[in-house]
Amino acid sequence: MVAVIILSRKCNINPDNVATPIAASLGDLTTLTLLASISAVLFKAIGGENPEHPERQEWLAPVIISLFLVLTPIWIVISHKNKYTHEVLYTGWTPVICAMVISSIGGLILDSAVSSYHGIAVFQPVINGVGGNLVAVQASRLSTSLHKAGKPGTLPENAQHGCGNPLTTFCGKGLHSRTVRVLLFMVIPGHLIFMYTIHFMNAGHTTITLIFAVVYLSAAMFR
């Protein structure tokens, strides 16, 4: 990520526009790689497709879980003593737990939709990824602006206090409002590219009709 930011600066590109989406993509790729590798090792340890294998290692998964449970108090003590992570230790659980609950509910909804509409699952990472990355770019630009113009814990004098008016946010004359409009106008072209790429690769097993395209793009804009 450091190399991405340095390269962006050398190419006169705002790092906020590229670093956040790349970080999210690399995080997802790393997570999936680790999940697949660890799952393969544990599946092989319990015998794989032959549960009666004499050399099964059923103790491996419980040992790993026990190891993490033993290490958890140690990490809590270390985080508590560090002045940079002390506050996060007490306030950082709420967004993490909320995100886990929302993701679990979303998974249940997706499972129900896939059972009724086969092939729709391939569009889920696209509609989530595009919306999430665009919002991440805006959030990164906002945080950079606050960091440059203000001090930690205080807002700049010209900053808006409280919840902003949606009309002002989307139709204002400020820099952030212009950024919002640019990002919003990227939703439809981006989704059209991904939609027809999926259709061209026959990955979705779903016929792209006019009704489907209108409903899908409307959901993407609403999101």
Protein backbone atom coordinates (compact mmCIF):
# COMPACT_ATOMS: atom_id res chain seq x y z
CA MET A 1 0.00 0.00 0.00
CA VAL A 2 2.91 2.32 0.65
CA ALA A 3 4.12 1.66 -2.90
CA VAL A 4 0.65 2.44 -4.27
CA ILE A 5 0.55 5.79 -2.48
CA ILE A 6 4.08 6.73 -3.58
CA LEU A 7 3.33 5.75 -7.19
CA SER A 8 0.08 7.74 -7.08
CA ARG A 9 1.93 10.83 -5.91
CA LYS A 10 4.53 10.46 -8.65
CA CYS A 11 1.75 10.17 -11.26
CA ASN A 12 -0.06 13.23 -9.81
CA ILE A 13 -3.04 11.09 -8.78
CA ASN A 14 -4.86 11.66 -5.52
CA PRO A 15 -4.05 8.57 -3.40
CA ASP A 16 -7.53 8.74 -1.85
CA ASN A 17 -8.97 7.78 -5.23
CA VAL A 18 -6.98 4.57 -5.60
CA ALA A 19 -5.52 3.46 -2.26
CA THR A 20 -8.80 2.64 -0.51
CA PRO A 21 -10.31 0.43 -3.26
CA ILE A 22 -7.00 -1.38 -3.71
CA ALA A 23 -6.70 -1.92 0.04
CA ALA A 24 -10.23 -3.36 0.13
CA SER A 25 -9.54 -5.64 -2.83
CA LEU A 26 -6.25 -6.88 -1.41
CA GLY A 27 -7.94 -7.45 1.95
CA ASP A 28 -10.69 -9.54 0.37
CA LEU A 29 -8.18 -11.49 -1.72
CA THR A 30 -5.94 -12.17 1.28
CA THR A 31 -8.91 -13.22 3.42
CA LEU A 32 -10.25 -15.62 0.78
CA THR A 33 -6.77 -17.09 0.22
CA LEU A 34 -6.22 -17.70 3.94
CA LEU A 35 -9.75 -19.06 4.38
CA ALA A 36 -9.39 -21.47 1.47
CA SER A 37 -5.92 -22.65 2.57
CA ILE A 38 -6.84 -23.17 6.23
CA SER A 39 -10.11 -24.89 5.27
CA ALA A 40 -8.23 -27.26 2.98
CA VAL A 41 -5.75 -28.14 5.74
CA LEU A 42 -8.49 -28.73 8.33
CA PHE A 43 -10.61 -30.70 5.86
CA LYS A 44 -7.65 -32.93 5.12
CA ALA A 45 -6.93 -33.28 8.86
CA ILE A 46 -10.38 -34.79 9.55
CA GLY A 47 -9.96 -37.30 6.76
CA GLY A 48 -11.25 -35.33 3.78
CA GLU A 49 -13.62 -37.37 1.69
CA ASN A 50 -12.68 -40.48 3.69
CA PRO A 51 -13.80 -39.86 7.30
CA GLU A 52 -12.66 -43.35 8.29
CA HIS A 53 -9.05 -42.65 7.36
CA PRO A 54 -6.77 -44.11 10.09
CA GLU A 55 -4.44 -41.06 10.12
CA ARG A 56 -7.08 -38.46 10.89
CA GLN A 57 -6.03 -35.48 12.99
CA GLU A 58 -9.28 -34.41 14.59
CA TRP A 59 -7.37 -32.69 17.39
CA LEU A 60 -5.95 -30.01 15.07
CA ALA A 61 -9.01 -27.70 14.91
CA PRO A 62 -9.68 -27.75 18.70
CA VAL A 63 -5.99 -27.04 19.36
CA ILE A 64 -6.05 -23.99 17.05
CA ILE A 65 -9.22 -22.66 18.70
CA SER A 66 -7.78 -23.23 22.17
CA LEU A 67 -4.58 -21.44 21.17
CA PHE A 68 -6.50 -18.35 20.06
CA LEU A 69 -8.59 -18.40 23.25
CA VAL A 70 -5.41 -18.53 25.36
CA LEU A 71 -3.78 -15.69 23.39
CA THR A 72 -6.85 -13.42 23.52
CA PRO A 73 -6.30 -12.17 27.13
CA ILE A 74 -2.65 -11.48 26.32
CA TRP A 75 -3.58 -9.29 23.33
CA ILE A 76 -6.22 -7.53 25.45
CA VAL A 77 -3.61 -6.63 28.09
CA ILE A 78 -1.16 -5.42 25.44
CA SER A 79 -3.85 -3.30 23.76
CA HIS A 80 -4.97 -1.90 27.11
CA LYS A 81 -1.45 -0.70 27.94
CA ASN A 82 -0.90 0.92 24.53
CA LYS A 83 -2.13 4.52 24.49
CA TYR A 84 -2.98 4.33 20.78
CA THR A 85 -5.22 1.25 21.09
CA HIS A 86 -6.56 1.73 24.63
CA GLU A 87 -9.69 3.63 23.53
CA VAL A 88 -10.32 1.35 20.55
CA LEU A 89 -10.35 -1.63 22.90
CA TYR A 90 -13.52 -0.26 24.51
CA THR A 91 -15.21 1.55 21.62
CA GLY A 92 -14.21 -0.52 18.60
CA TRP A 93 -16.46 -3.49 19.31
CA THR A 94 -19.74 -1.80 18.40
CA PRO A 95 -19.07 -1.24 14.67
CA VAL A 96 -17.41 -4.65 14.31
CA ILE A 97 -20.31 -6.53 15.92
CA CYS A 98 -22.86 -4.49 13.95
CA ALA A 99 -21.01 -5.26 10.71
CA MET A 100 -20.98 -8.98 11.58
CA VAL A 101 -24.73 -8.95 12.31
CA ILE A 102 -25.52 -7.10 9.08
CA SER A 103 -23.30 -9.46 7.07
CA SER A 104 -24.95 -12.51 8.64
CA ILE A 105 -28.44 -11.19 7.84
CA GLY A 106 -27.30 -10.36 4.31
CA GLY A 107 -25.99 -13.90 3.92
CA LEU A 108 -29.35 -15.35 4.95
CA ILE A 109 -31.16 -13.11 2.48
CA LEU A 110 -28.72 -14.04 -0.29
CA ASP A 111 -29.13 -17.75 0.47
CA SER A 112 -32.89 -17.38 0.20
CA ALA A 113 -32.59 -15.46 -3.08
CA VAL A 114 -30.18 -17.95 -4.64
CA SER A 115 -32.55 -20.84 -3.93
CA SER A 116 -35.28 -19.03 -5.90
CA TYR A 117 -33.19 -17.24 -8.54
CA HIS A 118 -30.25 -19.36 -9.67
CA GLY A 119 -27.21 -17.44 -10.85
CA ILE A 120 -28.05 -14.21 -9.02
CA ALA A 121 -25.22 -14.75 -6.53
CA VAL A 122 -22.58 -13.66 -9.05
CA PHE A 123 -24.02 -10.14 -9.07
CA GLN A 124 -23.83 -9.77 -5.28
CA PRO A 125 -20.05 -9.06 -5.04
CA VAL A 126 -20.39 -6.56 -7.89
CA ILE A 127 -23.22 -4.50 -6.42
CA ASN A 128 -21.60 -4.58 -2.97
CA GLY A 129 -18.08 -3.96 -4.23
CA VAL A 130 -18.87 -1.01 -6.50
CA GLY A 131 -20.99 0.77 -3.90
CA GLY A 132 -18.57 0.03 -1.08
CA ASN A 133 -15.51 1.22 -3.01
CA LEU A 134 -17.15 4.45 -4.13
CA VAL A 135 -18.23 5.25 -0.58
CA ALA A 136 -14.75 4.33 0.66
CA VAL A 137 -13.20 6.81 -1.78
CA GLN A 138 -15.48 9.59 -0.52
CA ALA A 139 -14.82 8.69 3.12
CA SER A 140 -11.07 8.69 2.48
CA ARG A 141 -11.23 12.11 0.83
CA LEU A 142 -13.30 13.49 3.73
CA SER A 143 -10.90 12.14 6.34
CA THR A 144 -7.89 13.53 4.48
CA SER A 145 -9.59 16.92 4.22
CA LEU A 146 -10.34 16.96 7.95
CA HIS A 147 -6.81 15.87 8.76
CA LYS A 148 -5.32 18.69 6.68
CA ALA A 149 -7.65 21.45 7.86
CA GLY A 150 -8.26 20.63 11.50
CA LYS A 151 -6.86 19.09 14.63
CA PRO A 152 -7.81 15.70 16.11
CA GLY A 153 -11.04 16.03 18.07
CA THR A 154 -12.06 19.38 16.58
CA LEU A 155 -13.78 20.37 13.34
CA PRO A 156 -12.50 23.14 11.06
CA GLU A 157 -14.32 26.45 11.29
CA ASN A 158 -15.96 26.09 7.87
CA ALA A 159 -17.00 22.47 8.43
CA GLN A 160 -20.66 21.54 8.58
CA HIS A 161 -21.87 20.47 12.02
CA GLY A 162 -24.50 17.78 12.49
CA CYS A 163 -26.24 15.73 9.83
CA GLY A 164 -26.05 17.30 6.39
CA ASN A 165 -29.00 18.00 4.13
CA PRO A 166 -29.08 15.44 1.26
CA LEU A 167 -30.02 18.18 -1.20
CA THR A 168 -27.01 20.25 -0.13
CA THR A 169 -24.76 17.21 -0.17
CA PHE A 170 -25.60 16.23 -3.74
CA CYS A 171 -26.31 19.65 -5.27
CA GLY A 172 -23.94 21.93 -3.36
CA LYS A 173 -21.08 23.94 -4.84
CA GLY A 174 -18.36 22.67 -2.51
CA LEU A 175 -15.54 20.29 -3.40
CA HIS A 176 -17.07 17.34 -1.56
CA SER A 177 -20.44 17.85 -3.27
CA ARG A 178 -18.75 17.79 -6.68
CA THR A 179 -16.94 14.62 -5.69
CA VAL A 180 -20.22 13.02 -4.64
CA ARG A 181 -21.78 13.83 -8.03
CA VAL A 182 -18.80 12.43 -9.93
CA LEU A 183 -18.86 9.20 -7.91
CA LEU A 184 -22.63 8.92 -8.33
CA PHE A 185 -22.37 9.31 -12.10
CA MET A 186 -19.84 6.44 -12.16
CA VAL A 187 -22.36 3.94 -10.76
CA ILE A 188 -24.34 3.25 -13.95
CA PRO A 189 -21.36 2.95 -16.38
CA GLY A 190 -19.45 0.79 -13.90
CA HIS A 191 -22.32 -1.60 -13.34
CA LEU A 192 -23.05 -1.82 -17.07
CA ILE A 193 -19.45 -2.86 -17.71
CA PHE A 194 -19.56 -5.55 -15.02
CA MET A 195 -23.04 -6.69 -16.00
CA TYR A 196 -22.16 -7.34 -19.62
CA THR A 197 -18.79 -8.82 -18.66
CA ILE A 198 -20.66 -11.39 -16.56
CA HIS A 199 -23.08 -11.96 -19.44
CA PHE A 200 -20.22 -12.36 -21.94
CA MET A 201 -18.45 -14.90 -19.71
CA ASN A 202 -21.72 -16.80 -19.06
CA ALA A 203 -20.90 -16.60 -15.37
CA GLY A 204 -24.28 -15.61 -13.98
CA HIS A 205 -26.51 -18.18 -15.74
CA THR A 206 -29.01 -15.33 -15.88
CA THR A 207 -30.40 -13.74 -19.03
CA ILE A 208 -29.77 -9.99 -19.13
CA THR A 209 -33.13 -8.56 -20.10
CA LEU A 210 -34.27 -4.95 -20.16
CA ILE A 211 -36.39 -5.45 -17.03
CA PHE A 212 -33.51 -7.09 -15.18
CA ALA A 213 -31.09 -4.31 -16.21
CA VAL A 214 -33.50 -1.55 -15.11
CA VAL A 215 -34.23 -3.18 -11.75
CA TYR A 216 -30.57 -4.01 -11.13
CA LEU A 217 -29.34 -0.51 -12.01
CA SER A 218 -32.12 1.07 -9.94
CA ALA A 219 -31.06 -1.03 -6.93
CA ALA A 220 -27.44 -0.04 -7.53
CA MET A 221 -28.31 3.67 -7.65
CA PHE A 222 -30.52 3.40 -4.57
CA ARG A 223 -27.72 1.66 -2.71
